[in-house]
Amino acid sequence: MNSKAKILLRTAGLFTACAFVMYGLARGEAAVVLNKAVNICLECIGLG
């Protein structure tokens, strides 16, 4: 595979990843992940 094809593939992958991150943020998934992380810390470590 030549270097131009590698650059194109990496760029396409980057744009795809950014699109999925933006989609997740638009759906409010960041709050869900943060809530789960807080619950795991409170239950596992016993901070609560």
C-alpha atoms as a PDB file:
ATOM      1  CA  MET A   1       0.000   0.000   0.000  1.00  0.00           C
ATOM      2  CA  ASN A   2       1.465   3.349  -0.975  1.00  0.00           C
ATOM      3  CA  SER A   3       1.723   6.319   1.358  1.00  0.00           C
ATOM      4  CA  LYS A   4      -1.130   8.245  -0.302  1.00  0.00           C
ATOM      5  CA  ALA A   5      -3.542   5.381   0.334  1.00  0.00           C
ATOM      6  CA  LYS A   6      -2.394   5.125   3.964  1.00  0.00           C
ATOM      7  CA  ILE A   7      -2.979   8.833   4.520  1.00  0.00           C
ATOM      8  CA  LEU A   8      -6.421   8.608   2.921  1.00  0.00           C
ATOM      9  CA  LEU A   9      -7.348   5.595   5.063  1.00  0.00           C
ATOM     10  CA  ARG A  10      -6.171   7.282   8.270  1.00  0.00           C
ATOM     11  CA  THR A  11      -8.058  10.464   7.408  1.00  0.00           C
ATOM     12  CA  ALA A  12     -11.235   8.525   6.697  1.00  0.00           C
ATOM     13  CA  GLY A  13     -10.861   6.689   9.999  1.00  0.00           C
ATOM     14  CA  LEU A  14     -10.354   9.950  11.865  1.00  0.00           C
ATOM     15  CA  PHE A  15     -13.456  11.527  10.344  1.00  0.00           C
ATOM     16  CA  THR A  16     -15.491   8.405  11.098  1.00  0.00           C
ATOM     17  CA  ALA A  17     -14.358   8.399  14.723  1.00  0.00           C
ATOM     18  CA  CYS A  18     -15.174  12.104  15.085  1.00  0.00           C
ATOM     19  CA  ALA A  19     -18.628  11.533  13.594  1.00  0.00           C
ATOM     20  CA  PHE A  20     -19.360   8.754  16.103  1.00  0.00           C
ATOM     21  CA  VAL A  21     -18.142  10.895  19.016  1.00  0.00           C
ATOM     22  CA  MET A  22     -20.367  13.763  17.924  1.00  0.00           C
ATOM     23  CA  TYR A  23     -23.319  11.390  17.525  1.00  0.00           C
ATOM     24  CA  GLY A  24     -22.800  10.030  21.030  1.00  0.00           C
ATOM     25  CA  LEU A  25     -22.563  13.527  22.489  1.00  0.00           C
ATOM     26  CA  ALA A  26     -25.755  14.552  20.698  1.00  0.00           C
ATOM     27  CA  ARG A  27     -27.585  11.585  22.234  1.00  0.00           C
ATOM     28  CA  GLY A  28     -26.390  12.447  25.737  1.00  0.00           C
ATOM     29  CA  GLU A  29     -24.215   9.387  26.154  1.00  0.00           C
ATOM     30  CA  ALA A  30     -21.505  11.339  28.007  1.00  0.00           C
ATOM     31  CA  ALA A  31     -23.825  11.825  30.972  1.00  0.00           C
ATOM     32  CA  VAL A  32     -24.699   8.131  31.003  1.00  0.00           C
ATOM     33  CA  VAL A  33     -21.025   7.116  31.006  1.00  0.00           C
ATOM     34  CA  LEU A  34     -20.202   9.605  33.767  1.00  0.00           C
ATOM     35  CA  ASN A  35     -23.110   8.334  35.880  1.00  0.00           C
ATOM     36  CA  LYS A  36     -21.932   4.736  35.495  1.00  0.00           C
ATOM     37  CA  ALA A  37     -18.356   5.701  36.373  1.00  0.00           C
ATOM     38  CA  VAL A  38     -19.500   7.475  39.531  1.00  0.00           C
ATOM     39  CA  ASN A  39     -21.596   4.477  40.573  1.00  0.00           C
ATOM     40  CA  ILE A  40     -18.691   2.082  40.039  1.00  0.00           C
ATOM     41  CA  CYS A  41     -16.381   4.259  42.143  1.00  0.00           C
ATOM     42  CA  LEU A  42     -18.914   4.585  44.917  1.00  0.00           C
ATOM     43  CA  GLU A  43     -19.686   0.866  45.013  1.00  0.00           C
ATOM     44  CA  CYS A  44     -16.247  -0.613  44.389  1.00  0.00           C
ATOM     45  CA  ILE A  45     -14.025   1.739  46.346  1.00  0.00           C
ATOM     46  CA  GLY A  46     -16.628   2.483  48.963  1.00  0.00           C
ATOM     47  CA  LEU A  47     -16.392   6.254  48.954  1.00  0.00           C
ATOM     48  CA  GLY A  48     -20.097   6.685  49.628  1.00  0.00           C
END
